[in-house]
Amino acid sequence: MPLGKGDLIAGYALAFGALAVVQSALATGLAV
């Protein structure tokens, strides 16, 4: 489809980055 490789990689990074925010927030709050 008209989807560039940069769009695909950026979309994956955005999706997993959103989960990384939740993951980091929970781990930091638990540790501190």
All heavy atoms as atom14 arrays in JSON, in Angstrom:
{
  "sequence": "MPLGKGDLIAGYALAFGALAVVQSALATGLAV",
  "atom14_mask": [
    [1, 1, 1, 1, 1, 1, 1, 1, 0, 0, 0, 0, 0, 0],
    [1, 1, 1, 1, 1, 1, 1, 0, 0, 0, 0, 0, 0, 0],
    [1, 1, 1, 1, 1, 1, 1, 1, 0, 0, 0, 0, 0, 0],
    [1, 1, 1, 1, 0, 0, 0, 0, 0, 0, 0, 0, 0, 0],
    [1, 1, 1, 1, 1, 1, 1, 1, 1, 0, 0, 0, 0, 0],
    [1, 1, 1, 1, 0, 0, 0, 0, 0, 0, 0, 0, 0, 0],
    [1, 1, 1, 1, 1, 1, 1, 1, 0, 0, 0, 0, 0, 0],
    [1, 1, 1, 1, 1, 1, 1, 1, 0, 0, 0, 0, 0, 0],
    [1, 1, 1, 1, 1, 1, 1, 1, 0, 0, 0, 0, 0, 0],
    [1, 1, 1, 1, 1, 0, 0, 0, 0, 0, 0, 0, 0, 0],
    [1, 1, 1, 1, 0, 0, 0, 0, 0, 0, 0, 0, 0, 0],
    [1, 1, 1, 1, 1, 1, 1, 1, 1, 1, 1, 1, 0, 0],
    [1, 1, 1, 1, 1, 0, 0, 0, 0, 0, 0, 0, 0, 0],
    [1, 1, 1, 1, 1, 1, 1, 1, 0, 0, 0, 0, 0, 0],
    [1, 1, 1, 1, 1, 0, 0, 0, 0, 0, 0, 0, 0, 0],
    [1, 1, 1, 1, 1, 1, 1, 1, 1, 1, 1, 0, 0, 0],
    [1, 1, 1, 1, 0, 0, 0, 0, 0, 0, 0, 0, 0, 0],
    [1, 1, 1, 1, 1, 0, 0, 0, 0, 0, 0, 0, 0, 0],
    [1, 1, 1, 1, 1, 1, 1, 1, 0, 0, 0, 0, 0, 0],
    [1, 1, 1, 1, 1, 0, 0, 0, 0, 0, 0, 0, 0, 0],
    [1, 1, 1, 1, 1, 1, 1, 0, 0, 0, 0, 0, 0, 0],
    [1, 1, 1, 1, 1, 1, 1, 0, 0, 0, 0, 0, 0, 0],
    [1, 1, 1, 1, 1, 1, 1, 1, 1, 0, 0, 0, 0, 0],
    [1, 1, 1, 1, 1, 1, 0, 0, 0, 0, 0, 0, 0, 0],
    [1, 1, 1, 1, 1, 0, 0, 0, 0, 0, 0, 0, 0, 0],
    [1, 1, 1, 1, 1, 1, 1, 1, 0, 0, 0, 0, 0, 0],
    [1, 1, 1, 1, 1, 0, 0, 0, 0, 0, 0, 0, 0, 0],
    [1, 1, 1, 1, 1, 1, 1, 0, 0, 0, 0, 0, 0, 0],
    [1, 1, 1, 1, 0, 0, 0, 0, 0, 0, 0, 0, 0, 0],
    [1, 1, 1, 1, 1, 1, 1, 1, 0, 0, 0, 0, 0, 0],
    [1, 1, 1, 1, 1, 0, 0, 0, 0, 0, 0, 0, 0, 0],
    [1, 1, 1, 1, 1, 1, 1, 0, 0, 0, 0, 0, 0, 0]
  ],
  "atom14_positions": [
    [[0.84, -1.18, 0.0], [0.0, 0.0, 0.0], [0.89, 1.24, 0.0], [2.1, 1.15, 0.18], [-0.92, -0.02, 1.23], [-1.84, -1.22, 1.28], [-3.05, -1.1, 2.63], [-1.96, -1.05, 4.05], [0.0, 0.0, 0.0], [0.0, 0.0, 0.0], [0.0, 0.0, 0.0], [0.0, 0.0, 0.0], [0.0, 0.0, 0.0], [0.0, 0.0, 0.0]],
    [[0.31, 2.42, -0.21], [1.12, 3.65, -0.15], [1.56, 3.97, 1.27], [1.13, 4.94, 1.89], [0.18, 4.72, -0.72], [-1.19, 4.19, -0.51], [-1.08, 2.7, -0.63], [0.0, 0.0, 0.0], [0.0, 0.0, 0.0], [0.0, 0.0, 0.0], [0.0, 0.0, 0.0], [0.0, 0.0, 0.0], [0.0, 0.0, 0.0], [0.0, 0.0, 0.0]],
    [[2.42, 3.13, 1.81], [2.92, 3.27, 3.17], [4.42, 3.13, 3.14], [4.95, 2.09, 2.73], [2.31, 2.2, 4.08], [2.72, 2.21, 5.55], [2.15, 3.43, 6.27], [2.27, 0.93, 6.24], [0.0, 0.0, 0.0], [0.0, 0.0, 0.0], [0.0, 0.0, 0.0], [0.0, 0.0, 0.0], [0.0, 0.0, 0.0], [0.0, 0.0, 0.0]],
    [[5.13, 4.18, 3.52], [6.58, 4.14, 3.5], [7.14, 3.35, 4.67], [6.47, 3.12, 5.68], [0.0, 0.0, 0.0], [0.0, 0.0, 0.0], [0.0, 0.0, 0.0], [0.0, 0.0, 0.0], [0.0, 0.0, 0.0], [0.0, 0.0, 0.0], [0.0, 0.0, 0.0], [0.0, 0.0, 0.0], [0.0, 0.0, 0.0], [0.0, 0.0, 0.0]],
    [[8.41, 2.93, 4.52], [9.06, 2.2, 5.61], [9.2, 3.09, 6.84], [9.1, 2.61, 7.97], [10.43, 1.7, 5.15], [10.37, 0.62, 4.09], [11.76, 0.13, 3.73], [11.71, -0.98, 2.71], [13.07, -1.48, 2.36], [0.0, 0.0, 0.0], [0.0, 0.0, 0.0], [0.0, 0.0, 0.0], [0.0, 0.0, 0.0], [0.0, 0.0, 0.0]],
    [[9.46, 4.38, 6.61], [9.56, 5.3, 7.74], [8.26, 5.42, 8.52], [8.25, 5.47, 9.75], [0.0, 0.0, 0.0], [0.0, 0.0, 0.0], [0.0, 0.0, 0.0], [0.0, 0.0, 0.0], [0.0, 0.0, 0.0], [0.0, 0.0, 0.0], [0.0, 0.0, 0.0], [0.0, 0.0, 0.0], [0.0, 0.0, 0.0], [0.0, 0.0, 0.0]],
    [[7.13, 5.45, 7.79], [5.82, 5.49, 8.45], [5.6, 4.23, 9.28], [5.07, 4.29, 10.39], [4.7, 5.62, 7.41], [4.79, 6.93, 6.64], [5.11, 7.95, 7.26], [4.56, 6.91, 5.42], [0.0, 0.0, 0.0], [0.0, 0.0, 0.0], [0.0, 0.0, 0.0], [0.0, 0.0, 0.0], [0.0, 0.0, 0.0], [0.0, 0.0, 0.0]],
    [[6.0, 3.08, 8.72], [5.79, 1.82, 9.43], [6.63, 1.75, 10.7], [6.13, 1.42, 11.78], [6.12, 0.66, 8.5], [5.8, -0.73, 9.02], [4.3, -0.91, 9.17], [6.34, -1.8, 8.08], [0.0, 0.0, 0.0], [0.0, 0.0, 0.0], [0.0, 0.0, 0.0], [0.0, 0.0, 0.0], [0.0, 0.0, 0.0], [0.0, 0.0, 0.0]],
    [[7.91, 2.1, 10.6], [8.79, 2.05, 11.76], [8.35, 3.07, 12.8], [8.33, 2.79, 14.01], [10.24, 2.28, 11.32], [10.75, 1.1, 10.51], [11.14, 2.51, 12.53], [10.86, -0.19, 11.29], [0.0, 0.0, 0.0], [0.0, 0.0, 0.0], [0.0, 0.0, 0.0], [0.0, 0.0, 0.0], [0.0, 0.0, 0.0], [0.0, 0.0, 0.0]],
    [[8.0, 4.27, 12.35], [7.55, 5.3, 13.29], [6.25, 4.89, 13.98], [6.04, 5.17, 15.17], [7.36, 6.64, 12.56], [0.0, 0.0, 0.0], [0.0, 0.0, 0.0], [0.0, 0.0, 0.0], [0.0, 0.0, 0.0], [0.0, 0.0, 0.0], [0.0, 0.0, 0.0], [0.0, 0.0, 0.0], [0.0, 0.0, 0.0], [0.0, 0.0, 0.0]],
    [[5.35, 4.22, 13.24], [4.11, 3.74, 13.86], [4.36, 2.69, 14.92], [3.76, 2.72, 16.0], [0.0, 0.0, 0.0], [0.0, 0.0, 0.0], [0.0, 0.0, 0.0], [0.0, 0.0, 0.0], [0.0, 0.0, 0.0], [0.0, 0.0, 0.0], [0.0, 0.0, 0.0], [0.0, 0.0, 0.0], [0.0, 0.0, 0.0], [0.0, 0.0, 0.0]],
    [[5.28, 1.76, 14.63], [5.64, 0.76, 15.63], [6.28, 1.42, 16.85], [5.98, 1.06, 18.0], [6.6, -0.26, 15.03], [5.93, -1.41, 14.33], [5.67, -1.37, 12.97], [5.53, -2.54, 15.03], [5.05, -2.42, 12.32], [4.91, -3.6, 14.39], [4.68, -3.53, 13.04], [4.05, -4.58, 12.41], [0.0, 0.0, 0.0], [0.0, 0.0, 0.0]],
    [[7.19, 2.37, 16.6], [7.85, 3.04, 17.72], [6.84, 3.83, 18.55], [6.94, 3.87, 19.79], [8.94, 3.98, 17.19], [0.0, 0.0, 0.0], [0.0, 0.0, 0.0], [0.0, 0.0, 0.0], [0.0, 0.0, 0.0], [0.0, 0.0, 0.0], [0.0, 0.0, 0.0], [0.0, 0.0, 0.0], [0.0, 0.0, 0.0], [0.0, 0.0, 0.0]],
    [[5.86, 4.44, 17.89], [4.85, 5.19, 18.64], [3.98, 4.27, 19.49], [3.67, 4.57, 20.65], [3.98, 5.98, 17.65], [2.91, 6.9, 18.24], [3.57, 7.98, 19.1], [2.09, 7.55, 17.12], [0.0, 0.0, 0.0], [0.0, 0.0, 0.0], [0.0, 0.0, 0.0], [0.0, 0.0, 0.0], [0.0, 0.0, 0.0], [0.0, 0.0, 0.0]],
    [[3.6, 3.13, 18.92], [2.75, 2.19, 19.67], [3.49, 1.6, 20.87], [3.0, 1.62, 22.0], [2.26, 1.08, 18.75], [0.0, 0.0, 0.0], [0.0, 0.0, 0.0], [0.0, 0.0, 0.0], [0.0, 0.0, 0.0], [0.0, 0.0, 0.0], [0.0, 0.0, 0.0], [0.0, 0.0, 0.0], [0.0, 0.0, 0.0], [0.0, 0.0, 0.0]],
    [[4.68, 1.09, 20.63], [5.45, 0.51, 21.74], [5.97, 1.59, 22.68], [6.18, 1.32, 23.87], [6.61, -0.32, 21.19], [6.19, -1.62, 20.58], [6.21, -1.8, 19.21], [5.75, -2.66, 21.38], [5.82, -3.0, 18.65], [5.35, -3.87, 20.83], [5.39, -4.04, 19.46], [0.0, 0.0, 0.0], [0.0, 0.0, 0.0], [0.0, 0.0, 0.0]],
    [[6.16, 2.8, 22.17], [6.54, 3.9, 23.06], [5.43, 4.26, 24.03], [5.69, 4.6, 25.2], [0.0, 0.0, 0.0], [0.0, 0.0, 0.0], [0.0, 0.0, 0.0], [0.0, 0.0, 0.0], [0.0, 0.0, 0.0], [0.0, 0.0, 0.0], [0.0, 0.0, 0.0], [0.0, 0.0, 0.0], [0.0, 0.0, 0.0], [0.0, 0.0, 0.0]],
    [[4.18, 4.18, 23.57], [3.06, 4.42, 24.48], [3.02, 3.39, 25.6], [2.77, 3.71, 26.77], [1.75, 4.42, 23.7], [0.0, 0.0, 0.0], [0.0, 0.0, 0.0], [0.0, 0.0, 0.0], [0.0, 0.0, 0.0], [0.0, 0.0, 0.0], [0.0, 0.0, 0.0], [0.0, 0.0, 0.0], [0.0, 0.0, 0.0], [0.0, 0.0, 0.0]],
    [[3.29, 2.13, 25.24], [3.36, 1.1, 26.28], [4.58, 1.3, 27.17], [4.53, 0.99, 28.36], [3.41, -0.29, 25.63], [2.14, -0.73, 24.9], [2.38, -2.06, 24.19], [0.97, -0.85, 25.86], [0.0, 0.0, 0.0], [0.0, 0.0, 0.0], [0.0, 0.0, 0.0], [0.0, 0.0, 0.0], [0.0, 0.0, 0.0], [0.0, 0.0, 0.0]],
    [[5.66, 1.82, 26.6], [6.85, 2.09, 27.41], [6.59, 3.16, 28.46], [7.15, 3.11, 29.56], [8.01, 2.51, 26.51], [0.0, 0.0, 0.0], [0.0, 0.0, 0.0], [0.0, 0.0, 0.0], [0.0, 0.0, 0.0], [0.0, 0.0, 0.0], [0.0, 0.0, 0.0], [0.0, 0.0, 0.0], [0.0, 0.0, 0.0], [0.0, 0.0, 0.0]],
    [[5.75, 4.13, 28.12], [5.39, 5.17, 29.11], [4.69, 4.53, 30.31], [5.0, 4.82, 31.47], [4.51, 6.24, 28.45], [3.97, 7.2, 29.5], [5.32, 7.02, 27.41], [0.0, 0.0, 0.0], [0.0, 0.0, 0.0], [0.0, 0.0, 0.0], [0.0, 0.0, 0.0], [0.0, 0.0, 0.0], [0.0, 0.0, 0.0], [0.0, 0.0, 0.0]],
    [[3.72, 3.66, 30.01], [3.0, 2.99, 31.09], [3.94, 2.1, 31.89], [3.91, 2.08, 33.14], [1.83, 2.16, 30.5], [1.08, 1.43, 31.61], [0.88, 3.06, 29.72], [0.0, 0.0, 0.0], [0.0, 0.0, 0.0], [0.0, 0.0, 0.0], [0.0, 0.0, 0.0], [0.0, 0.0, 0.0], [0.0, 0.0, 0.0], [0.0, 0.0, 0.0]],
    [[4.78, 1.36, 31.19], [5.72, 0.46, 31.85], [6.68, 1.23, 32.75], [6.89, 0.87, 33.93], [6.52, -0.3, 30.8], [7.57, -1.24, 31.35], [8.54, -1.66, 30.26], [9.36, -0.87, 29.81], [8.44, -2.91, 29.85], [0.0, 0.0, 0.0], [0.0, 0.0, 0.0], [0.0, 0.0, 0.0], [0.0, 0.0, 0.0], [0.0, 0.0, 0.0]],
    [[7.27, 2.31, 32.26], [8.24, 3.09, 33.04], [7.57, 3.77, 34.22], [8.16, 3.86, 35.31], [8.91, 4.12, 32.14], [9.55, 3.5, 31.05], [0.0, 0.0, 0.0], [0.0, 0.0, 0.0], [0.0, 0.0, 0.0], [0.0, 0.0, 0.0], [0.0, 0.0, 0.0], [0.0, 0.0, 0.0], [0.0, 0.0, 0.0], [0.0, 0.0, 0.0]],
    [[6.36, 4.27, 34.03], [5.66, 4.93, 35.12], [5.35, 3.96, 36.26], [5.54, 4.27, 37.44], [4.37, 5.58, 34.6], [0.0, 0.0, 0.0], [0.0, 0.0, 0.0], [0.0, 0.0, 0.0], [0.0, 0.0, 0.0], [0.0, 0.0, 0.0], [0.0, 0.0, 0.0], [0.0, 0.0, 0.0], [0.0, 0.0, 0.0], [0.0, 0.0, 0.0]],
    [[4.87, 2.76, 35.9], [4.57, 1.78, 36.93], [5.83, 1.32, 37.66], [5.85, 1.21, 38.9], [3.86, 0.57, 36.31], [2.42, 0.8, 35.85], [1.87, -0.45, 35.17], [1.53, 1.2, 37.01], [0.0, 0.0, 0.0], [0.0, 0.0, 0.0], [0.0, 0.0, 0.0], [0.0, 0.0, 0.0], [0.0, 0.0, 0.0], [0.0, 0.0, 0.0]],
    [[6.91, 1.05, 36.91], [8.14, 0.58, 37.53], [8.76, 1.66, 38.42], [9.23, 1.36, 39.54], [9.13, 0.14, 36.46], [0.0, 0.0, 0.0], [0.0, 0.0, 0.0], [0.0, 0.0, 0.0], [0.0, 0.0, 0.0], [0.0, 0.0, 0.0], [0.0, 0.0, 0.0], [0.0, 0.0, 0.0], [0.0, 0.0, 0.0], [0.0, 0.0, 0.0]],
    [[8.76, 2.9, 37.97], [9.33, 3.99, 38.78], [8.5, 4.23, 40.03], [9.05, 4.41, 41.13], [9.41, 5.28, 37.94], [10.19, 5.02, 36.76], [10.07, 6.4, 38.73], [0.0, 0.0, 0.0], [0.0, 0.0, 0.0], [0.0, 0.0, 0.0], [0.0, 0.0, 0.0], [0.0, 0.0, 0.0], [0.0, 0.0, 0.0], [0.0, 0.0, 0.0]],
    [[7.19, 4.26, 39.87], [6.34, 4.44, 41.05], [6.49, 3.32, 42.06], [6.52, 3.56, 43.28], [0.0, 0.0, 0.0], [0.0, 0.0, 0.0], [0.0, 0.0, 0.0], [0.0, 0.0, 0.0], [0.0, 0.0, 0.0], [0.0, 0.0, 0.0], [0.0, 0.0, 0.0], [0.0, 0.0, 0.0], [0.0, 0.0, 0.0], [0.0, 0.0, 0.0]],
    [[6.61, 2.09, 41.57], [6.79, 0.95, 42.48], [8.12, 1.05, 43.21], [8.18, 0.83, 44.44], [6.73, -0.35, 41.69], [7.01, -1.64, 42.47], [5.89, -1.91, 43.47], [7.17, -2.82, 41.52], [0.0, 0.0, 0.0], [0.0, 0.0, 0.0], [0.0, 0.0, 0.0], [0.0, 0.0, 0.0], [0.0, 0.0, 0.0], [0.0, 0.0, 0.0]],
    [[9.19, 1.39, 42.49], [10.51, 1.42, 43.1], [10.65, 2.56, 44.11], [11.24, 2.39, 45.19], [11.59, 1.54, 42.03], [0.0, 0.0, 0.0], [0.0, 0.0, 0.0], [0.0, 0.0, 0.0], [0.0, 0.0, 0.0], [0.0, 0.0, 0.0], [0.0, 0.0, 0.0], [0.0, 0.0, 0.0], [0.0, 0.0, 0.0], [0.0, 0.0, 0.0]],
    [[10.12, 3.72, 43.8], [10.34, 4.91, 44.64], [9.35, 4.95, 45.8], [9.73, 5.17, 46.96], [10.25, 6.19, 43.78], [10.33, 7.44, 44.65], [11.36, 6.2, 42.74], [0.0, 0.0, 0.0], [0.0, 0.0, 0.0], [0.0, 0.0, 0.0], [0.0, 0.0, 0.0], [0.0, 0.0, 0.0], [0.0, 0.0, 0.0], [0.0, 0.0, 0.0]]
  ]
}
